[in-house]
Amino acid sequence: VDVDYQTFEVINEHFAKDKNKVYLLKSFSLIASDIDPVT
């Protein structure tokens, strides 16, 4: 997956984030969203 390696973290079963984006977790891919990654 194309994410920032140093800041990436999995939030829960449906979301993950790095310093740039919050990602929606589909079964086999990620969708970038407009959710604020800082908060």
PDB file of all heavy atoms in Angstrom:
ATOM      1  N   VAL A   1       0.843  -1.193   0.000  1.00  0.00           N
ATOM      2  CA  VAL A   1       0.000   0.000   0.000  1.00  0.00           C
ATOM      3  C   VAL A   1       0.878   1.244   0.000  1.00  0.00           C
ATOM      4  O   VAL A   1       1.954   1.272   0.605  1.00  0.00           O
ATOM      5  CB  VAL A   1      -0.960   0.011   1.208  1.00  0.00           C
ATOM      6  CG1 VAL A   1      -1.991  -1.103   1.073  1.00  0.00           C
ATOM      7  CG2 VAL A   1      -0.207  -0.132   2.527  1.00  0.00           C
ATOM      8  N   ASP A   2       0.398   2.264  -0.687  1.00  0.00           N
ATOM      9  CA  ASP A   2       1.155   3.513  -0.836  1.00  0.00           C
ATOM     10  C   ASP A   2       0.811   4.451   0.316  1.00  0.00           C
ATOM     11  O   ASP A   2      -0.120   5.266   0.220  1.00  0.00           O
ATOM     12  CB  ASP A   2       0.821   4.156  -2.188  1.00  0.00           C
ATOM     13  CG  ASP A   2       1.653   5.399  -2.448  1.00  0.00           C
ATOM     14  OD1 ASP A   2       2.699   5.567  -1.782  1.00  0.00           O
ATOM     15  OD2 ASP A   2       1.253   6.201  -3.310  1.00  0.00           O
ATOM     16  N   VAL A   3       1.534   4.337   1.415  1.00  0.00           N
ATOM     17  CA  VAL A   3       1.317   5.166   2.599  1.00  0.00           C
ATOM     18  C   VAL A   3       2.672   5.669   3.104  1.00  0.00           C
ATOM     19  O   VAL A   3       3.721   5.190   2.689  1.00  0.00           O
ATOM     20  CB  VAL A   3       0.598   4.375   3.713  1.00  0.00           C
ATOM     21  CG1 VAL A   3      -0.778   3.923   3.254  1.00  0.00           C
ATOM     22  CG2 VAL A   3       1.433   3.163   4.155  1.00  0.00           C
ATOM     23  N   ASP A   4       2.612   6.646   4.017  1.00  0.00           N
ATOM     24  CA  ASP A   4       3.843   7.121   4.635  1.00  0.00           C
ATOM     25  C   ASP A   4       4.264   6.119   5.711  1.00  0.00           C
ATOM     26  O   ASP A   4       3.591   5.964   6.734  1.00  0.00           O
ATOM     27  CB  ASP A   4       3.621   8.505   5.253  1.00  0.00           C
ATOM     28  CG  ASP A   4       4.886   9.030   5.913  1.00  0.00           C
ATOM     29  OD1 ASP A   4       5.826   9.386   5.199  1.00  0.00           O
ATOM     30  OD2 ASP A   4       4.936   9.041   7.167  1.00  0.00           O
ATOM     31  N   TYR A   5       5.376   5.453   5.477  1.00  0.00           N
ATOM     32  CA  TYR A   5       5.792   4.333   6.323  1.00  0.00           C
ATOM     33  C   TYR A   5       6.016   4.754   7.773  1.00  0.00           C
ATOM     34  O   TYR A   5       5.628   4.044   8.711  1.00  0.00           O
ATOM     35  CB  TYR A   5       7.071   3.718   5.758  1.00  0.00           C
ATOM     36  CG  TYR A   5       7.539   2.480   6.494  1.00  0.00           C
ATOM     37  CD1 TYR A   5       6.983   1.240   6.211  1.00  0.00           C
ATOM     38  CD2 TYR A   5       8.525   2.560   7.471  1.00  0.00           C
ATOM     39  CE1 TYR A   5       7.393   0.095   6.880  1.00  0.00           C
ATOM     40  CE2 TYR A   5       8.951   1.428   8.151  1.00  0.00           C
ATOM     41  CZ  TYR A   5       8.386   0.199   7.862  1.00  0.00           C
ATOM     42  OH  TYR A   5       8.796  -0.927   8.530  1.00  0.00           O
ATOM     43  N   GLN A   6       6.639   5.894   7.980  1.00  0.00           N
ATOM     44  CA  GLN A   6       7.029   6.297   9.327  1.00  0.00           C
ATOM     45  C   GLN A   6       5.835   6.654  10.210  1.00  0.00           C
ATOM     46  O   GLN A   6       5.875   6.455  11.426  1.00  0.00           O
ATOM     47  CB  GLN A   6       7.994   7.487   9.260  1.00  0.00           C
ATOM     48  CG  GLN A   6       9.302   7.189   8.535  1.00  0.00           C
ATOM     49  CD  GLN A   6      10.077   6.057   9.182  1.00  0.00           C
ATOM     50  OE1 GLN A   6      10.070   5.909  10.409  1.00  0.00           O
ATOM     51  NE2 GLN A   6      10.750   5.250   8.375  1.00  0.00           N
ATOM     52  N   THR A   7       4.760   7.177   9.626  1.00  0.00           N
ATOM     53  CA  THR A   7       3.625   7.643  10.442  1.00  0.00           C
ATOM     54  C   THR A   7       2.382   6.771  10.314  1.00  0.00           C
ATOM     55  O   THR A   7       1.365   7.049  10.946  1.00  0.00           O
ATOM     56  CB  THR A   7       3.253   9.086  10.051  1.00  0.00           C
ATOM     57  OG1 THR A   7       2.867   9.128   8.660  1.00  0.00           O
ATOM     58  CG2 THR A   7       4.435  10.017  10.282  1.00  0.00           C
ATOM     59  N   PHE A   8       2.474   5.724   9.516  1.00  0.00           N
ATOM     60  CA  PHE A   8       1.278   4.911   9.278  1.00  0.00           C
ATOM     61  C   PHE A   8       0.873   4.113  10.511  1.00  0.00           C
ATOM     62  O   PHE A   8       1.718   3.571  11.235  1.00  0.00           O
ATOM     63  CB  PHE A   8       1.524   3.939   8.124  1.00  0.00           C
ATOM     64  CG  PHE A   8       0.332   3.090   7.793  1.00  0.00           C
ATOM     65  CD1 PHE A   8      -0.725   3.596   7.074  1.00  0.00           C
ATOM     66  CD2 PHE A   8       0.252   1.768   8.235  1.00  0.00           C
ATOM     67  CE1 PHE A   8      -1.834   2.810   6.775  1.00  0.00           C
ATOM     68  CE2 PHE A   8      -0.844   0.974   7.943  1.00  0.00           C
ATOM     69  CZ  PHE A   8      -1.891   1.507   7.213  1.00  0.00           C
ATOM     70  N   GLU A   9      -0.447   4.028  10.741  1.00  0.00           N
ATOM     71  CA  GLU A   9      -0.990   3.191  11.819  1.00  0.00           C
ATOM     72  C   GLU A   9      -2.395   2.730  11.464  1.00  0.00           C
ATOM     73  O   GLU A   9      -3.144   3.427  10.775  1.00  0.00           O
ATOM     74  CB  GLU A   9      -1.017   3.948  13.151  1.00  0.00           C
ATOM     75  CG  GLU A   9      -1.911   5.178  13.167  1.00  0.00           C
ATOM     76  CD  GLU A   9      -1.987   5.827  14.538  1.00  0.00           C
ATOM     77  OE1 GLU A   9      -2.499   5.181  15.480  1.00  0.00           O
ATOM     78  OE2 GLU A   9      -1.523   6.984  14.654  1.00  0.00           O
ATOM     79  N   VAL A  10      -2.747   1.557  11.920  1.00  0.00           N
ATOM     80  CA  VAL A  10      -4.109   1.040  11.755  1.00  0.00           C
ATOM     81  C   VAL A  10      -4.924   1.503  12.958  1.00  0.00           C
ATOM     82  O   VAL A  10      -4.535   1.279  14.102  1.00  0.00           O
ATOM     83  CB  VAL A  10      -4.106  -0.498  11.669  1.00  0.00           C
ATOM     84  CG1 VAL A  10      -5.536  -1.020  11.549  1.00  0.00           C
ATOM     85  CG2 VAL A  10      -3.270  -0.961  10.486  1.00  0.00           C
ATOM     86  N   ILE A  11      -6.058   2.189  12.689  1.00  0.00           N
ATOM     87  CA  ILE A  11      -6.884   2.716  13.780  1.00  0.00           C
ATOM     88  C   ILE A  11      -7.811   1.642  14.316  1.00  0.00           C
ATOM     89  O   ILE A  11      -7.872   1.398  15.520  1.00  0.00           O
ATOM     90  CB  ILE A  11      -7.696   3.938  13.303  1.00  0.00           C
ATOM     91  CG1 ILE A  11      -6.766   5.017  12.736  1.00  0.00           C
ATOM     92  CG2 ILE A  11      -8.522   4.491  14.452  1.00  0.00           C
ATOM     93  CD1 ILE A  11      -7.503   6.200  12.135  1.00  0.00           C
ATOM     94  N   ASN A  12      -8.561   1.010  13.437  1.00  0.00           N
ATOM     95  CA  ASN A  12      -9.465  -0.088  13.840  1.00  0.00           C
ATOM     96  C   ASN A  12      -9.724  -0.967  12.623  1.00  0.00           C
ATOM     97  O   ASN A  12      -8.977  -0.916  11.642  1.00  0.00           O
ATOM     98  CB  ASN A  12     -10.756   0.449  14.470  1.00  0.00           C
ATOM     99  CG  ASN A  12     -11.578   1.298  13.516  1.00  0.00           C
ATOM    100  OD1 ASN A  12     -11.360   1.316  12.305  1.00  0.00           O
ATOM    101  ND2 ASN A  12     -12.532   2.036  14.051  1.00  0.00           N
ATOM    102  N   GLU A  13     -10.762  -1.750  12.651  1.00  0.00           N
ATOM    103  CA  GLU A  13     -11.016  -2.707  11.570  1.00  0.00           C
ATOM    104  C   GLU A  13     -11.411  -2.048  10.258  1.00  0.00           C
ATOM    105  O   GLU A  13     -11.390  -2.699   9.216  1.00  0.00           O
ATOM    106  CB  GLU A  13     -12.104  -3.691  12.003  1.00  0.00           C
ATOM    107  CG  GLU A  13     -11.688  -4.608  13.145  1.00  0.00           C
ATOM    108  CD  GLU A  13     -12.797  -5.554  13.569  1.00  0.00           C
ATOM    109  OE1 GLU A  13     -13.906  -5.452  12.991  1.00  0.00           O
ATOM    110  OE2 GLU A  13     -12.562  -6.379  14.473  1.00  0.00           O
ATOM    111  N   HIS A  14     -11.781  -0.754  10.299  1.00  0.00           N
ATOM    112  CA  HIS A  14     -12.288  -0.096   9.097  1.00  0.00           C
ATOM    113  C   HIS A  14     -11.488   1.136   8.667  1.00  0.00           C
ATOM    114  O   HIS A  14     -11.734   1.670   7.582  1.00  0.00           O
ATOM    115  CB  HIS A  14     -13.751   0.311   9.309  1.00  0.00           C
ATOM    116  CG  HIS A  14     -14.658  -0.836   9.611  1.00  0.00           C
ATOM    117  ND1 HIS A  14     -15.150  -1.669   8.642  1.00  0.00           N
ATOM    118  CD2 HIS A  14     -15.146  -1.306  10.788  1.00  0.00           C
ATOM    119  CE1 HIS A  14     -15.904  -2.601   9.199  1.00  0.00           C
ATOM    120  NE2 HIS A  14     -15.912  -2.406  10.495  1.00  0.00           N
ATOM    121  N   PHE A  15     -10.550   1.579   9.499  1.00  0.00           N
ATOM    122  CA  PHE A  15      -9.817   2.803   9.195  1.00  0.00           C
ATOM    123  C   PHE A  15      -8.336   2.663   9.536  1.00  0.00           C
ATOM    124  O   PHE A  15      -7.960   1.950  10.470  1.00  0.00           O
ATOM    125  CB  PHE A  15     -10.384   3.983  10.000  1.00  0.00           C
ATOM    126  CG  PHE A  15     -11.814   4.325   9.702  1.00  0.00           C
ATOM    127  CD1 PHE A  15     -12.848   3.721  10.418  1.00  0.00           C
ATOM    128  CD2 PHE A  15     -12.133   5.248   8.719  1.00  0.00           C
ATOM    129  CE1 PHE A  15     -14.176   4.040  10.156  1.00  0.00           C
ATOM    130  CE2 PHE A  15     -13.462   5.569   8.447  1.00  0.00           C
ATOM    131  CZ  PHE A  15     -14.481   4.970   9.165  1.00  0.00           C
ATOM    132  N   ALA A  16      -7.508   3.377   8.769  1.00  0.00           N
ATOM    133  CA  ALA A  16      -6.081   3.507   9.054  1.00  0.00           C
ATOM    134  C   ALA A  16      -5.680   4.931   8.674  1.00  0.00           C
ATOM    135  O   ALA A  16      -6.427   5.645   7.998  1.00  0.00           O
ATOM    136  CB  ALA A  16      -5.275   2.476   8.273  1.00  0.00           C
ATOM    137  N   LYS A  17      -4.480   5.359   9.088  1.00  0.00           N
ATOM    138  CA  LYS A  17      -4.063   6.721   8.753  1.00  0.00           C
ATOM    139  C   LYS A  17      -2.547   6.843   8.744  1.00  0.00           C
ATOM    140  O   LYS A  17      -1.823   6.023   9.307  1.00  0.00           O
ATOM    141  CB  LYS A  17      -4.652   7.715   9.751  1.00  0.00           C
ATOM    142  CG  LYS A  17      -4.015   7.693  11.138  1.00  0.00           C
ATOM    143  CD  LYS A  17      -4.544   8.830  11.998  1.00  0.00           C
ATOM    144  CE  LYS A  17      -3.832   8.875  13.360  1.00  0.00           C
ATOM    145  NZ  LYS A  17      -4.269  10.035  14.168  1.00  0.00           N
ATOM    146  N   ASP A  18      -2.070   7.887   8.064  1.00  0.00           N
ATOM    147  CA  ASP A  18      -0.699   8.349   8.195  1.00  0.00           C
ATOM    148  C   ASP A  18      -0.772   9.866   8.356  1.00  0.00           C
ATOM    149  O   ASP A  18      -1.854  10.425   8.592  1.00  0.00           O
ATOM    150  CB  ASP A  18       0.163   7.903   7.009  1.00  0.00           C
ATOM    151  CG  ASP A  18      -0.325   8.439   5.674  1.00  0.00           C
ATOM    152  OD1 ASP A  18      -1.116   9.410   5.654  1.00  0.00           O
ATOM    153  OD2 ASP A  18       0.075   7.896   4.635  1.00  0.00           O
ATOM    154  N   LYS A  19       0.356  10.565   8.229  1.00  0.00           N
ATOM    155  CA  LYS A  19       0.357  12.010   8.454  1.00  0.00           C
ATOM    156  C   LYS A  19      -0.435  12.773   7.387  1.00  0.00           C
ATOM    157  O   LYS A  19      -0.799  13.939   7.589  1.00  0.00           O
ATOM    158  CB  LYS A  19       1.790  12.526   8.491  1.00  0.00           C
ATOM    159  CG  LYS A  19       2.518  12.434   7.158  1.00  0.00           C
ATOM    160  CD  LYS A  19       3.921  13.019   7.244  1.00  0.00           C
ATOM    161  CE  LYS A  19       4.619  12.993   5.876  1.00  0.00           C
ATOM    162  NZ  LYS A  19       5.957  13.576   5.943  1.00  0.00           N
ATOM    163  N   ASN A  20      -0.710  12.103   6.269  1.00  0.00           N
ATOM    164  CA  ASN A  20      -1.347  12.789   5.143  1.00  0.00           C
ATOM    165  C   ASN A  20      -2.836  12.496   4.988  1.00  0.00           C
ATOM    166  O   ASN A  20      -3.598  13.379   4.586  1.00  0.00           O
ATOM    167  CB  ASN A  20      -0.640  12.403   3.842  1.00  0.00           C
ATOM    168  CG  ASN A  20       0.834  12.729   3.872  1.00  0.00           C
ATOM    169  OD1 ASN A  20       1.231  13.836   4.241  1.00  0.00           O
ATOM    170  ND2 ASN A  20       1.667  11.755   3.495  1.00  0.00           N
ATOM    171  N   LYS A  21      -3.235  11.267   5.290  1.00  0.00           N
ATOM    172  CA  LYS A  21      -4.598  10.849   4.969  1.00  0.00           C
ATOM    173  C   LYS A  21      -5.141   9.863   6.000  1.00  0.00           C
ATOM    174  O   LYS A  21      -4.387   9.177   6.688  1.00  0.00           O
ATOM    175  CB  LYS A  21      -4.640  10.163   3.592  1.00  0.00           C
ATOM    176  CG  LYS A  21      -4.467  11.085   2.395  1.00  0.00           C
ATOM    177  CD  LYS A  21      -5.727  11.923   2.156  1.00  0.00           C
ATOM    178  CE  LYS A  21      -5.601  12.779   0.920  1.00  0.00           C
ATOM    179  NZ  LYS A  21      -6.825  13.575   0.670  1.00  0.00           N
ATOM    180  N   VAL A  22      -6.477   9.788   6.049  1.00  0.00           N
ATOM    181  CA  VAL A  22      -7.159   8.687   6.717  1.00  0.00           C
ATOM    182  C   VAL A  22      -7.696   7.782   5.615  1.00  0.00           C
ATOM    183  O   VAL A  22      -8.277   8.260   4.626  1.00  0.00           O
ATOM    184  CB  VAL A  22      -8.319   9.182   7.613  1.00  0.00           C
ATOM    185  CG1 VAL A  22      -9.124   7.987   8.150  1.00  0.00           C
ATOM    186  CG2 VAL A  22      -7.772  10.002   8.769  1.00  0.00           C
ATOM    187  N   TYR A  23      -7.487   6.477   5.778  1.00  0.00           N
ATOM    188  CA  TYR A  23      -7.838   5.516   4.727  1.00  0.00           C
ATOM    189  C   TYR A  23      -8.992   4.621   5.182  1.00  0.00           C
ATOM    190  O   TYR A  23      -9.044   4.185   6.338  1.00  0.00           O
ATOM    191  CB  TYR A  23      -6.629   4.652   4.370  1.00  0.00           C
ATOM    192  CG  TYR A  23      -5.418   5.460   3.973  1.00  0.00           C
ATOM    193  CD1 TYR A  23      -4.446   5.803   4.914  1.00  0.00           C
ATOM    194  CD2 TYR A  23      -5.252   5.887   2.660  1.00  0.00           C
ATOM    195  CE1 TYR A  23      -3.342   6.556   4.554  1.00  0.00           C
ATOM    196  CE2 TYR A  23      -4.143   6.643   2.286  1.00  0.00           C
ATOM    197  CZ  TYR A  23      -3.188   6.974   3.245  1.00  0.00           C
ATOM    198  OH  TYR A  23      -2.097   7.726   2.890  1.00  0.00           O
ATOM    199  N   LEU A  24      -9.892   4.345   4.251  1.00  0.00           N
ATOM    200  CA  LEU A  24     -10.995   3.414   4.480  1.00  0.00           C
ATOM    201  C   LEU A  24     -10.536   2.038   4.032  1.00  0.00           C
ATOM    202  O   LEU A  24     -10.000   1.889   2.929  1.00  0.00           O
ATOM    203  CB  LEU A  24     -12.232   3.844   3.693  1.00  0.00           C
ATOM    204  CG  LEU A  24     -12.572   5.345   3.699  1.00  0.00           C
ATOM    205  CD1 LEU A  24     -13.806   5.617   2.840  1.00  0.00           C
ATOM    206  CD2 LEU A  24     -12.766   5.855   5.118  1.00  0.00           C
ATOM    207  N   LEU A  25     -10.758   1.044   4.869  1.00  0.00           N
ATOM    208  CA  LEU A  25     -10.247  -0.294   4.575  1.00  0.00           C
ATOM    209  C   LEU A  25     -11.324  -1.156   3.920  1.00  0.00           C
ATOM    210  O   LEU A  25     -12.292  -1.565   4.563  1.00  0.00           O
ATOM    211  CB  LEU A  25      -9.768  -0.967   5.867  1.00  0.00           C
ATOM    212  CG  LEU A  25      -8.726  -0.186   6.687  1.00  0.00           C
ATOM    213  CD1 LEU A  25      -8.283  -1.012   7.889  1.00  0.00           C
ATOM    214  CD2 LEU A  25      -7.536   0.194   5.831  1.00  0.00           C
ATOM    215  N   LYS A  26     -11.139  -1.411   2.628  1.00  0.00           N
ATOM    216  CA  LYS A  26     -11.967  -2.397   1.943  1.00  0.00           C
ATOM    217  C   LYS A  26     -11.336  -3.772   2.164  1.00  0.00           C
ATOM    218  O   LYS A  26     -10.335  -3.907   2.864  1.00  0.00           O
ATOM    219  CB  LYS A  26     -12.068  -2.055   0.468  1.00  0.00           C
ATOM    220  CG  LYS A  26     -12.749  -0.720   0.184  1.00  0.00           C
ATOM    221  CD  LYS A  26     -12.957  -0.494  -1.298  1.00  0.00           C
ATOM    222  CE  LYS A  26     -13.885  -1.522  -1.900  1.00  0.00           C
ATOM    223  NZ  LYS A  26     -14.244  -1.256  -3.311  1.00  0.00           N
ATOM    224  N   SER A  27     -11.888  -4.781   1.540  1.00  0.00           N
ATOM    225  CA  SER A  27     -11.382  -6.135   1.758  1.00  0.00           C
ATOM    226  C   SER A  27      -9.941  -6.283   1.290  1.00  0.00           C
ATOM    227  O   SER A  27      -9.136  -6.940   1.936  1.00  0.00           O
ATOM    228  CB  SER A  27     -12.261  -7.159   1.033  1.00  0.00           C
ATOM    229  OG  SER A  27     -13.559  -7.151   1.568  1.00  0.00           O
ATOM    230  N   PHE A  28      -9.595  -5.646   0.154  1.00  0.00           N
ATOM    231  CA  PHE A  28      -8.261  -5.831  -0.404  1.00  0.00           C
ATOM    232  C   PHE A  28      -7.629  -4.533  -0.906  1.00  0.00           C
ATOM    233  O   PHE A  28      -6.654  -4.579  -1.639  1.00  0.00           O
ATOM    234  CB  PHE A  28      -8.309  -6.858  -1.547  1.00  0.00           C
ATOM    235  CG  PHE A  28      -8.785  -8.203  -1.110  1.00  0.00           C
ATOM    236  CD1 PHE A  28     -10.093  -8.595  -1.322  1.00  0.00           C
ATOM    237  CD2 PHE A  28      -7.926  -9.075  -0.464  1.00  0.00           C
ATOM    238  CE1 PHE A  28     -10.542  -9.847  -0.906  1.00  0.00           C
ATOM    239  CE2 PHE A  28      -8.370 -10.323  -0.043  1.00  0.00           C
ATOM    240  CZ  PHE A  28      -9.677 -10.705  -0.264  1.00  0.00           C
ATOM    241  N   SER A  29      -8.169  -3.397  -0.505  1.00  0.00           N
ATOM    242  CA  SER A  29      -7.603  -2.128  -0.946  1.00  0.00           C
ATOM    243  C   SER A  29      -7.952  -1.020   0.037  1.00  0.00           C
ATOM    244  O   SER A  29      -8.813  -1.190   0.911  1.00  0.00           O
ATOM    245  CB  SER A  29      -8.110  -1.764  -2.350  1.00  0.00           C
ATOM    246  OG  SER A  29      -9.517  -1.600  -2.341  1.00  0.00           O
ATOM    247  N   LEU A  30      -7.280   0.125  -0.119  1.00  0.00           N
ATOM    248  CA  LEU A  30      -7.506   1.290   0.722  1.00  0.00           C
ATOM    249  C   LEU A  30      -8.109   2.414  -0.112  1.00  0.00           C
ATOM    250  O   LEU A  30      -7.750   2.594  -1.284  1.00  0.00           O
ATOM    251  CB  LEU A  30      -6.190   1.785   1.332  1.00  0.00           C
ATOM    252  CG  LEU A  30      -5.676   1.122   2.611  1.00  0.00           C
ATOM    253  CD1 LEU A  30      -5.448  -0.370   2.427  1.00  0.00           C
ATOM    254  CD2 LEU A  30      -4.382   1.803   3.075  1.00  0.00           C
ATOM    255  N   ILE A  31      -9.009   3.188   0.488  1.00  0.00           N
ATOM    256  CA  ILE A  31      -9.578   4.364  -0.158  1.00  0.00           C
ATOM    257  C   ILE A  31      -9.185   5.583   0.668  1.00  0.00           C
ATOM    258  O   ILE A  31      -9.467   5.646   1.876  1.00  0.00           O
ATOM    259  CB  ILE A  31     -11.116   4.281  -0.248  1.00  0.00           C
ATOM    260  CG1 ILE A  31     -11.560   3.037  -1.007  1.00  0.00           C
ATOM    261  CG2 ILE A  31     -11.676   5.536  -0.903  1.00  0.00           C
ATOM    262  CD1 ILE A  31     -13.077   2.845  -1.012  1.00  0.00           C
ATOM    263  N   ALA A  32      -8.526   6.563   0.048  1.00  0.00           N
ATOM    264  CA  ALA A  32      -8.161   7.792   0.755  1.00  0.00           C
ATOM    265  C   ALA A  32      -9.411   8.642   0.977  1.00  0.00           C
ATOM    266  O   ALA A  32     -10.272   8.752   0.101  1.00  0.00           O
ATOM    267  CB  ALA A  32      -7.124   8.565  -0.054  1.00  0.00           C
ATOM    268  N   SER A  33      -9.515   9.253   2.173  1.00  0.00           N
ATOM    269  CA  SER A  33     -10.685  10.056   2.517  1.00  0.00           C
ATOM    270  C   SER A  33     -10.258  11.477   2.888  1.00  0.00           C
ATOM    271  O   SER A  33      -9.067  11.794   2.940  1.00  0.00           O
ATOM    272  CB  SER A  33     -11.433   9.424   3.690  1.00  0.00           C
ATOM    273  OG  SER A  33     -10.715   9.640   4.905  1.00  0.00           O
ATOM    274  N   ASP A  34     -11.240  12.332   3.177  1.00  0.00           N
ATOM    275  CA  ASP A  34     -10.979  13.710   3.593  1.00  0.00           C
ATOM    276  C   ASP A  34     -11.059  13.884   5.109  1.00  0.00           C
ATOM    277  O   ASP A  34     -11.066  15.008   5.606  1.00  0.00           O
ATOM    278  CB  ASP A  34     -11.986  14.651   2.917  1.00  0.00           C
ATOM    279  CG  ASP A  34     -11.790  14.712   1.404  1.00  0.00           C
ATOM    280  OD1 ASP A  34     -10.631  14.608   0.959  1.00  0.00           O
ATOM    281  OD2 ASP A  34     -12.795  14.844   0.686  1.00  0.00           O
ATOM    282  N   ILE A  35     -11.125  12.790   5.852  1.00  0.00           N
ATOM    283  CA  ILE A  35     -11.133  12.862   7.318  1.00  0.00           C
ATOM    284  C   ILE A  35      -9.796  13.433   7.789  1.00  0.00           C
ATOM    285  O   ILE A  35      -8.744  13.145   7.219  1.00  0.00           O
ATOM    286  CB  ILE A  35     -11.375  11.464   7.910  1.00  0.00           C
ATOM    287  CG1 ILE A  35     -12.710  10.891   7.418  1.00  0.00           C
ATOM    288  CG2 ILE A  35     -11.353  11.502   9.431  1.00  0.00           C
ATOM    289  CD1 ILE A  35     -12.926   9.430   7.768  1.00  0.00           C
ATOM    290  N   ASP A  36      -9.831  14.258   8.834  1.00  0.00           N
ATOM    291  CA  ASP A  36      -8.620  14.896   9.332  1.00  0.00           C
ATOM    292  C   ASP A  36      -7.696  13.875  10.001  1.00  0.00           C
ATOM    293  O   ASP A  36      -8.052  13.321  11.051  1.00  0.00           O
ATOM    294  CB  ASP A  36      -8.991  15.991  10.335  1.00  0.00           C
ATOM    295  CG  ASP A  36      -7.765  16.656  10.923  1.00  0.00           C
ATOM    296  OD1 ASP A  36      -6.859  17.015  10.154  1.00  0.00           O
ATOM    297  OD2 ASP A  36      -7.690  16.785  12.165  1.00  0.00           O
ATOM    298  N   PRO A  37      -6.508  13.639   9.436  1.00  0.00           N
ATOM    299  CA  PRO A  37      -5.619  12.619  10.001  1.00  0.00           C
ATOM    300  C   PRO A  37      -4.983  13.026  11.330  1.00  0.00           C
ATOM    301  O   PRO A  37      -4.596  12.168  12.118  1.00  0.00           O
ATOM    302  CB  PRO A  37      -4.552  12.438   8.913  1.00  0.00           C
ATOM    303  CG  PRO A  37      -4.524  13.737   8.187  1.00  0.00           C
ATOM    304  CD  PRO A  37      -5.934  14.244   8.212  1.00  0.00           C
ATOM    305  N   VAL A  38      -4.864  14.330  11.578  1.00  0.00           N
ATOM    306  CA  VAL A  38      -4.213  14.795  12.802  1.00  0.00           C
ATOM    307  C   VAL A  38      -5.049  14.465  14.031  1.00  0.00           C
ATOM    308  O   VAL A  38      -4.528  14.001  15.057  1.00  0.00           O
ATOM    309  CB  VAL A  38      -3.940  16.313  12.726  1.00  0.00           C
ATOM    310  CG1 VAL A  38      -3.345  16.815  14.052  1.00  0.00           C
ATOM    311  CG2 VAL A  38      -3.009  16.634  11.566  1.00  0.00           C
ATOM    312  N   THR A  39      -6.362  14.646  13.936  1.00  0.00           N
ATOM    313  CA  THR A  39      -7.227  14.448  15.106  1.00  0.00           C
ATOM    314  C   THR A  39      -7.997  13.128  15.078  1.00  0.00           C
ATOM    315  O   THR A  39      -8.681  12.799  16.047  1.00  0.00           O
ATOM    316  CB  THR A  39      -8.235  15.602  15.217  1.00  0.00           C
ATOM    317  OG1 THR A  39      -9.028  15.664  14.020  1.00  0.00           O
ATOM    318  CG2 THR A  39      -7.508  16.919  15.418  1.00  0.00           C
TER     319      THR A  39
END
